[in-house]
C-alpha atoms as a PDB file:
ATOM      1  CA  MET A   1       0.000   0.000   0.000  1.00  0.00           C
ATOM      2  CA  ASN A   2       1.414   3.396  -0.847  1.00  0.00           C
ATOM      3  CA  ASN A   3       1.251   6.471   1.358  1.00  0.00           C
ATOM      4  CA  LEU A   4      -1.508   8.115  -0.744  1.00  0.00           C
ATOM      5  CA  VAL A   5      -3.747   5.091  -0.196  1.00  0.00           C
ATOM      6  CA  MET A   6      -3.147   5.238   3.582  1.00  0.00           C
ATOM      7  CA  LYS A   7      -3.839   8.988   3.663  1.00  0.00           C
ATOM      8  CA  ASP A   8      -7.142   8.357   1.861  1.00  0.00           C
ATOM      9  CA  LYS A   9      -8.067   5.606   4.331  1.00  0.00           C
ATOM     10  CA  ILE A  10      -7.287   7.899   7.280  1.00  0.00           C
ATOM     11  CA  GLN A  11      -9.457  10.660   5.785  1.00  0.00           C
ATOM     12  CA  ARG A  12     -12.350   8.235   5.237  1.00  0.00           C
ATOM     13  CA  LEU A  13     -12.035   7.020   8.834  1.00  0.00           C
ATOM     14  CA  LYS A  14     -12.135  10.624  10.057  1.00  0.00           C
ATOM     15  CA  GLU A  15     -15.240  11.347   7.967  1.00  0.00           C
ATOM     16  CA  ALA A  16     -16.947   8.198   9.310  1.00  0.00           C
ATOM     17  CA  CYS A  17     -16.215   9.156  12.932  1.00  0.00           C
ATOM     18  CA  VAL A  18     -16.737  12.923  12.907  1.00  0.00           C
ATOM     19  CA  ASN A  19     -20.419  12.825  13.919  1.00  0.00           C
ATOM     20  CA  LEU A  20     -20.113   9.955  16.396  1.00  0.00           C
ATOM     21  CA  PRO A  21     -19.948  10.639  20.149  1.00  0.00           C
ATOM     22  CA  GLN A  22     -16.511  11.977  21.056  1.00  0.00           C
ATOM     23  CA  THR A  23     -14.257  11.253  24.028  1.00  0.00           C
ATOM     24  CA  ALA A  24     -12.511  13.989  26.002  1.00  0.00           C
ATOM     25  CA  LEU A  25      -8.753  13.867  25.531  1.00  0.00           C
ATOM     26  CA  PRO A  26      -7.067  15.493  28.544  1.00  0.00           C
ATOM     27  CA  THR A  27      -4.046  17.323  27.169  1.00  0.00           C
ATOM     28  CA  GLU A  28      -1.171  18.986  28.984  1.00  0.00           C
ATOM     29  CA  HIS A  29       1.299  21.481  27.533  1.00  0.00           C
ATOM     30  CA  PHE A  30       4.909  22.011  28.620  1.00  0.00           C
ATOM     31  CA  PHE A  31       7.488  24.579  27.490  1.00  0.00           C
ATOM     32  CA  LEU A  32      11.268  24.700  27.938  1.00  0.00           C
ATOM     33  CA  ASP A  33      13.931  26.698  26.068  1.00  0.00           C
ATOM     34  CA  GLY A  34      12.405  26.624  22.586  1.00  0.00           C
ATOM     35  CA  MET A  35      10.703  23.256  23.018  1.00  0.00           C
ATOM     36  CA  TYR A  36       7.010  22.473  23.270  1.00  0.00           C
ATOM     37  CA  LEU A  37       5.736  19.140  24.551  1.00  0.00           C
ATOM     38  CA  ARG A  38       2.090  18.190  24.158  1.00  0.00           C
ATOM     39  CA  GLN A  39       0.946  15.204  26.222  1.00  0.00           C
ATOM     40  CA  CYS A  40      -2.435  13.601  25.541  1.00  0.00           C
ATOM     41  CA  PHE A  41      -4.304  10.870  27.433  1.00  0.00           C
ATOM     42  CA  ILE A  42      -6.514   8.618  25.277  1.00  0.00           C
ATOM     43  CA  PRO A  43      -8.695   6.011  27.029  1.00  0.00           C
ATOM     44  CA  LYS A  44      -8.616   2.319  26.093  1.00  0.00           C
ATOM     45  CA  GLY A  45     -10.743   1.448  23.056  1.00  0.00           C
ATOM     46  CA  THR A  46     -10.749   4.954  21.572  1.00  0.00           C
ATOM     47  CA  VAL A  47     -10.505   5.311  17.798  1.00  0.00           C
ATOM     48  CA  PHE A  48      -8.620   8.504  16.954  1.00  0.00           C
ATOM     49  CA  VAL A  49      -7.578  10.503  13.905  1.00  0.00           C
ATOM     50  CA  GLY A  50      -5.054  13.305  14.245  1.00  0.00           C
ATOM     51  CA  ARG A  51      -4.383  16.313  12.089  1.00  0.00           C
ATOM     52  CA  VAL A  52      -1.764  16.598   9.369  1.00  0.00           C
ATOM     53  CA  HIS A  53       1.467  17.929  10.881  1.00  0.00           C
ATOM     54  CA  LYS A  54       3.465  20.637   9.116  1.00  0.00           C
ATOM     55  CA  LYS A  55       6.802  20.204  10.943  1.00  0.00           C
ATOM     56  CA  ASP A  56       9.249  17.527  11.969  1.00  0.00           C
ATOM     57  CA  HIS A  57       8.426  16.375  15.471  1.00  0.00           C
ATOM     58  CA  PHE A  58       9.077  13.612  17.961  1.00  0.00           C
ATOM     59  CA  PHE A  59       6.163  11.308  18.789  1.00  0.00           C
ATOM     60  CA  MET A  60       6.438   9.234  21.980  1.00  0.00           C
ATOM     61  CA  ILE A  61       4.317   6.625  23.674  1.00  0.00           C
ATOM     62  CA  LEU A  62       4.648   7.319  27.390  1.00  0.00           C
ATOM     63  CA  ARG A  63       2.103   4.794  28.664  1.00  0.00           C
ATOM     64  CA  GLY A  64      -0.123   2.075  27.260  1.00  0.00           C
ATOM     65  CA  ALA A  65      -0.381   0.541  23.806  1.00  0.00           C
ATOM     66  CA  ALA A  66      -2.136   1.280  20.525  1.00  0.00           C
ATOM     67  CA  GLU A  67      -2.317   0.267  16.902  1.00  0.00           C
ATOM     68  CA  ILE A  68      -1.533   3.302  14.748  1.00  0.00           C
ATOM     69  CA  THR A  69      -0.862   4.214  11.161  1.00  0.00           C
ATOM     70  CA  MET A  70       2.778   4.872  10.427  1.00  0.00           C
ATOM     71  CA  ASP A  71       3.689   5.654   6.829  1.00  0.00           C
ATOM     72  CA  GLU A  72       1.800   3.071   4.751  1.00  0.00           C
ATOM     73  CA  LYS A  73       1.178   0.469   7.443  1.00  0.00           C
ATOM     74  CA  VAL A  74      -0.492  -0.103  10.791  1.00  0.00           C
ATOM     75  CA  ILE A  75       1.873  -0.902  13.650  1.00  0.00           C
ATOM     76  CA  ARG A  76       1.518  -1.750  17.326  1.00  0.00           C
ATOM     77  CA  VAL A  77       3.202   0.811  19.584  1.00  0.00           C
ATOM     78  CA  VAL A  78       3.871   0.465  23.292  1.00  0.00           C
ATOM     79  CA  ALA A  79       5.168   2.642  26.100  1.00  0.00           C
ATOM     80  CA  GLY A  80       8.788   3.629  25.628  1.00  0.00           C
ATOM     81  CA  MET A  81       8.743   3.908  21.833  1.00  0.00           C
ATOM     82  CA  ILE A  82       9.876   7.157  20.165  1.00  0.00           C
ATOM     83  CA  PHE A  83       9.464   8.133  16.505  1.00  0.00           C
ATOM     84  CA  LEU A  84      10.736  11.037  14.403  1.00  0.00           C
ATOM     85  CA  CYS A  85       7.845  12.141  12.192  1.00  0.00           C
ATOM     86  CA  PRO A  86       8.317  14.306   9.089  1.00  0.00           C
ATOM     87  CA  PRO A  87       5.972  17.009   7.771  1.00  0.00           C
ATOM     88  CA  GLY A  88       2.812  15.523   6.291  1.00  0.00           C
ATOM     89  CA  THR A  89       2.481  12.938   9.072  1.00  0.00           C
ATOM     90  CA  ARG A  90      -1.057  12.105  10.168  1.00  0.00           C
ATOM     91  CA  ARG A  91      -1.816   9.344  12.625  1.00  0.00           C
ATOM     92  CA  ALA A  92      -4.956   7.320  13.155  1.00  0.00           C
ATOM     93  CA  GLY A  93      -5.496   4.302  15.318  1.00  0.00           C
ATOM     94  CA  VAL A  94      -7.125   2.668  18.289  1.00  0.00           C
ATOM     95  CA  THR A  95      -5.847   2.492  21.854  1.00  0.00           C
ATOM     96  CA  LEU A  96      -5.489  -1.042  23.222  1.00  0.00           C
ATOM     97  CA  GLU A  97      -4.940   0.260  26.771  1.00  0.00           C
ATOM     98  CA  ASP A  98      -5.287   3.631  28.453  1.00  0.00           C
ATOM     99  CA  THR A  99      -2.523   5.436  26.549  1.00  0.00           C
ATOM    100  CA  VAL A 100      -0.502   8.611  26.866  1.00  0.00           C
ATOM    101  CA  PHE A 101       1.070  10.024  23.707  1.00  0.00           C
ATOM    102  CA  ALA A 102       3.439  12.987  23.620  1.00  0.00           C
ATOM    103  CA  GLY A 103       4.785  15.107  20.797  1.00  0.00           C
ATOM    104  CA  VAL A 104       7.755  17.449  20.950  1.00  0.00           C
ATOM    105  CA  ILE A 105       8.430  20.271  18.506  1.00  0.00           C
ATOM    106  CA  ARG A 106      10.872  23.133  18.410  1.00  0.00           C
ATOM    107  CA  THR A 107       9.239  26.546  18.802  1.00  0.00           C
ATOM    108  CA  ASP A 108       9.846  29.771  20.659  1.00  0.00           C
ATOM    109  CA  LYS A 109       6.108  30.400  20.854  1.00  0.00           C
ATOM    110  CA  THR A 110       4.136  29.780  24.033  1.00  0.00           C
ATOM    111  CA  ASP A 111       0.606  30.538  22.809  1.00  0.00           C
ATOM    112  CA  ILE A 112      -1.097  27.183  22.103  1.00  0.00           C
ATOM    113  CA  ALA A 113      -3.244  28.602  19.275  1.00  0.00           C
ATOM    114  CA  GLU A 114      -0.171  30.044  17.511  1.00  0.00           C
ATOM    115  CA  ILE A 115       1.745  26.792  17.977  1.00  0.00           C
ATOM    116  CA  GLU A 116      -1.116  24.725  16.568  1.00  0.00           C
ATOM    117  CA  GLU A 117      -1.381  27.062  13.579  1.00  0.00           C
ATOM    118  CA  ASP A 118       2.333  26.483  12.886  1.00  0.00           C
ATOM    119  CA  LEU A 119       2.248  22.758  13.692  1.00  0.00           C
ATOM    120  CA  ALA A 120      -0.911  21.352  12.092  1.00  0.00           C
ATOM    121  CA  VAL A 121      -2.986  21.890   8.964  1.00  0.00           C
ATOM    122  CA  TYR A 122      -6.272  23.610   9.830  1.00  0.00           C
ATOM    123  CA  ASP A 123      -9.324  21.361   9.495  1.00  0.00           C
ATOM    124  CA  PRO A 124     -12.676  23.172   9.859  1.00  0.00           C
ATOM    125  CA  THR A 125     -14.500  19.857  10.349  1.00  0.00           C
ATOM    126  CA  ALA A 126     -12.279  18.737  13.250  1.00  0.00           C
ATOM    127  CA  ARG A 127     -14.097  17.895  16.484  1.00  0.00           C
ATOM    128  CA  PHE A 128     -11.197  19.104  18.626  1.00  0.00           C
ATOM    129  CA  GLY A 129     -10.005  22.684  18.706  1.00  0.00           C
ATOM    130  CA  VAL A 130      -7.057  24.524  20.203  1.00  0.00           C
ATOM    131  CA  GLY A 131      -5.518  22.526  23.031  1.00  0.00           C
ATOM    132  CA  ASN A 132      -7.703  19.487  22.209  1.00  0.00           C
ATOM    133  CA  ILE A 133     -10.872  21.150  23.488  1.00  0.00           C
ATOM    134  CA  MET A 134     -13.854  19.135  22.226  1.00  0.00           C
ATOM    135  CA  LEU A 135     -16.029  20.973  19.708  1.00  0.00           C
ATOM    136  CA  PRO A 136     -19.596  20.275  18.588  1.00  0.00           C
ATOM    137  CA  PRO A 137     -20.103  18.917  15.068  1.00  0.00           C
ATOM    138  CA  LEU A 138     -19.517  21.434  12.271  1.00  0.00           C
ATOM    139  CA  GLN A 139     -23.238  21.681  11.425  1.00  0.00           C
ATOM    140  CA  GLU A 140     -24.051  22.685  15.028  1.00  0.00           C
ATOM    141  CA  ARG A 141     -21.274  25.300  14.957  1.00  0.00           C
ATOM    142  CA  LEU A 142     -22.624  26.692  11.673  1.00  0.00           C
ATOM    143  CA  ASN A 143     -26.185  26.785  13.025  1.00  0.00           C
ATOM    144  CA  GLU A 144     -25.002  28.668  16.113  1.00  0.00           C
ATOM    145  CA  SER A 145     -23.135  31.187  14.007  1.00  0.00           C
ATOM    146  CA  PHE A 146     -26.272  31.862  11.910  1.00  0.00           C
ATOM    147  CA  LYS A 147     -28.359  32.380  15.077  1.00  0.00           C
ATOM    148  CA  LYS A 148     -25.963  35.140  16.192  1.00  0.00           C
ATOM    149  CA  ASP A 149     -26.336  37.061  12.920  1.00  0.00           C
END
């Protein structure tokens, strides 16, 4: 399977899941001398689809286990594994245990919204906003915006 096929499969999975009930993903943010670490807890049995990343970054599994997409395949990852991910990386998968993922990027910024703008491709249909705050489905957000006008 080539990378374009996997990217298409990830997008189709995201589209299939976007209107399903969502799970809160507690996320912590850490800063140190031009480094930003984002740590995210994902409960066991959660199917997830991330955003497309714009920059090289480290991706670490701090706790638990999951099956995730990596390049053109699905691999099992466990606590202690570290990957270097190039621009264009987008992960999808399912957690096999309660899992904690972390990503590290180089940035001098400390505003989460600015970092996310630099780090990930904007997706207006995403169900998670800045800092992994859960959002309502796009149609509900559009309806709310029309009510205000």
